[in-house]
Amino acid sequence: MAQRTRGEASPGGHLRHPAEQPVYVLMVILNVLIIVVILWFARFLPFLPARLKDSGWGIAIRSAVLALLLLVPGLIIGREVQRASTRGTAVQLSPSQYTDLYDTATDFATRLRLRRRPQIYLATATVR
């Protein structure tokens, strides 16, 4: 059996593990189910039994649902803001800027048989 050398693509050019796509689909379904459950609880929250509304359990349930309703969109927005700030302060490699790095990335993409060359951004390190 021939061993692959460093930098050589796997046979057939597959760069992903076979289980990656099914696990991704499973995680998407799980996330959607979690959001549906949160919204379901939020919908029925005003209709808690009278004995639970002003009890410690009622307050805990309302607080948990409110926290989840605020947390999920907050995490999504926070991740996108972080991604945008990184791209906003970085320089995208191009044939006219950082030519050597651009050529190296193109060479790697060709060797790995990628369908398209990935976008690469160069950011400077900030020391605080």
Protein backbone atom coordinates (compact mmCIF):
# COMPACT_ATOMS: atom_id res chain seq x y z
CA MET A 1 0.00 0.00 0.00
CA ALA A 2 1.47 3.32 -1.06
CA GLN A 3 1.78 5.99 1.58
CA ARG A 4 0.77 9.53 0.86
CA THR A 5 3.40 12.18 1.24
CA ARG A 6 2.84 15.42 3.02
CA GLY A 7 0.77 17.87 0.96
CA GLU A 8 -0.63 15.16 -1.31
CA ALA A 9 -4.42 14.95 -1.58
CA SER A 10 -6.23 11.78 -0.61
CA PRO A 11 -7.31 9.47 -3.45
CA GLY A 12 -10.18 11.04 -5.34
CA GLY A 13 -9.45 14.46 -3.86
CA HIS A 14 -11.78 14.02 -0.84
CA LEU A 15 -10.86 16.42 1.93
CA ARG A 16 -13.75 15.66 4.27
CA HIS A 17 -14.40 12.77 6.56
CA PRO A 18 -17.33 10.65 5.30
CA ALA A 19 -19.26 11.28 8.52
CA GLU A 20 -18.94 15.08 8.30
CA GLN A 21 -22.03 15.75 6.20
CA PRO A 22 -24.42 13.41 8.10
CA VAL A 23 -23.26 14.86 11.44
CA TYR A 24 -23.73 18.39 10.06
CA VAL A 25 -27.30 17.56 8.98
CA LEU A 26 -27.97 16.01 12.40
CA MET A 27 -26.70 19.17 14.14
CA VAL A 28 -28.87 21.42 11.96
CA ILE A 29 -31.94 19.31 12.79
CA LEU A 30 -31.03 19.34 16.49
CA ASN A 31 -30.62 23.14 16.48
CA VAL A 32 -33.98 23.61 14.77
CA LEU A 33 -35.64 21.31 17.33
CA ILE A 34 -34.09 23.26 20.21
CA ILE A 35 -35.38 26.55 18.78
CA VAL A 36 -38.85 25.04 18.25
CA VAL A 37 -38.94 23.82 21.87
CA ILE A 38 -37.86 27.24 23.15
CA LEU A 39 -40.55 28.97 21.09
CA TRP A 40 -43.14 26.40 22.18
CA PHE A 41 -42.36 27.10 25.84
CA ALA A 42 -42.46 30.85 25.19
CA ARG A 43 -45.88 30.51 23.55
CA PHE A 44 -47.40 28.67 26.51
CA LEU A 45 -45.57 30.63 29.21
CA PRO A 46 -48.47 33.02 29.93
CA PHE A 47 -50.75 30.02 30.44
CA LEU A 48 -48.86 28.49 33.35
CA PRO A 49 -51.16 27.13 36.06
CA ALA A 50 -52.02 29.73 38.69
CA ARG A 51 -50.15 27.84 41.38
CA LEU A 52 -46.92 28.06 39.31
CA LYS A 53 -47.15 31.65 38.06
CA ASP A 54 -45.88 33.38 41.19
CA SER A 55 -43.92 30.50 42.66
CA GLY A 56 -40.18 30.00 42.46
CA TRP A 57 -40.71 27.45 39.65
CA GLY A 58 -42.71 29.94 37.60
CA ILE A 59 -40.03 32.59 37.95
CA ALA A 60 -37.32 30.05 37.08
CA ILE A 61 -39.22 28.87 33.99
CA ARG A 62 -39.85 32.42 32.77
CA SER A 63 -36.22 33.40 33.39
CA ALA A 64 -34.88 30.32 31.57
CA VAL A 65 -37.10 30.84 28.53
CA LEU A 66 -36.28 34.56 28.40
CA ALA A 67 -32.56 33.82 28.69
CA LEU A 68 -32.76 31.25 25.88
CA LEU A 69 -34.75 33.60 23.66
CA LEU A 70 -32.10 36.28 24.14
CA LEU A 71 -29.07 33.97 24.09
CA VAL A 72 -29.63 32.14 20.78
CA PRO A 73 -29.94 35.25 18.55
CA GLY A 74 -27.20 36.96 20.59
CA LEU A 75 -24.74 34.15 19.89
CA ILE A 76 -25.56 34.18 16.18
CA ILE A 77 -25.24 37.96 15.92
CA GLY A 78 -22.05 37.96 18.01
CA ARG A 79 -20.41 35.35 15.77
CA GLU A 80 -21.29 37.30 12.63
CA VAL A 81 -20.04 40.59 14.12
CA GLN A 82 -16.75 38.91 15.03
CA ARG A 83 -16.41 37.48 11.53
CA ALA A 84 -17.19 40.88 9.97
CA SER A 85 -14.72 42.70 12.21
CA THR A 86 -11.97 40.24 11.28
CA ARG A 87 -12.63 40.68 7.59
CA GLY A 88 -13.04 44.42 8.00
CA THR A 89 -9.57 44.85 9.49
CA ALA A 90 -7.78 42.32 7.29
CA VAL A 91 -6.54 42.40 3.71
CA GLN A 92 -7.78 39.77 1.27
CA LEU A 93 -4.98 38.10 -0.66
CA SER A 94 -5.08 38.92 -4.35
CA PRO A 95 -2.70 38.74 -7.32
CA SER A 96 -1.88 42.43 -6.78
CA GLN A 97 -1.48 42.34 -2.98
CA TYR A 98 0.78 39.83 -1.26
CA THR A 99 1.51 38.10 -4.55
CA ASP A 100 3.77 35.42 -3.05
CA LEU A 101 1.21 34.33 -0.48
CA TYR A 102 -1.55 34.39 -3.10
CA ASP A 103 0.53 32.17 -5.41
CA THR A 104 1.28 29.77 -2.55
CA ALA A 105 -2.44 29.52 -1.67
CA THR A 106 -3.29 28.92 -5.34
CA ASP A 107 -0.60 26.22 -5.54
CA PHE A 108 -1.98 24.48 -2.41
CA ALA A 109 -5.53 24.64 -3.77
CA THR A 110 -4.33 23.08 -7.03
CA ARG A 111 -2.39 20.31 -5.25
CA LEU A 112 -5.39 19.53 -3.05
CA ARG A 113 -7.67 19.52 -6.11
CA LEU A 114 -10.05 22.05 -4.60
CA ARG A 115 -12.86 23.18 -6.85
CA ARG A 116 -12.07 26.79 -6.02
CA ARG A 117 -9.33 28.54 -4.15
CA PRO A 118 -10.49 29.60 -0.68
CA GLN A 119 -10.58 33.28 0.23
CA ILE A 120 -7.68 34.08 2.52
CA TYR A 121 -7.40 37.22 4.62
CA LEU A 122 -4.19 38.53 6.15
CA ALA A 123 -4.60 40.23 9.51
CA THR A 124 -1.92 41.93 11.51
CA ALA A 125 -1.36 40.84 15.08
CA THR A 126 -2.22 43.42 17.69
CA VAL A 127 -0.42 43.40 21.02
CA ARG A 128 -2.20 44.89 23.99
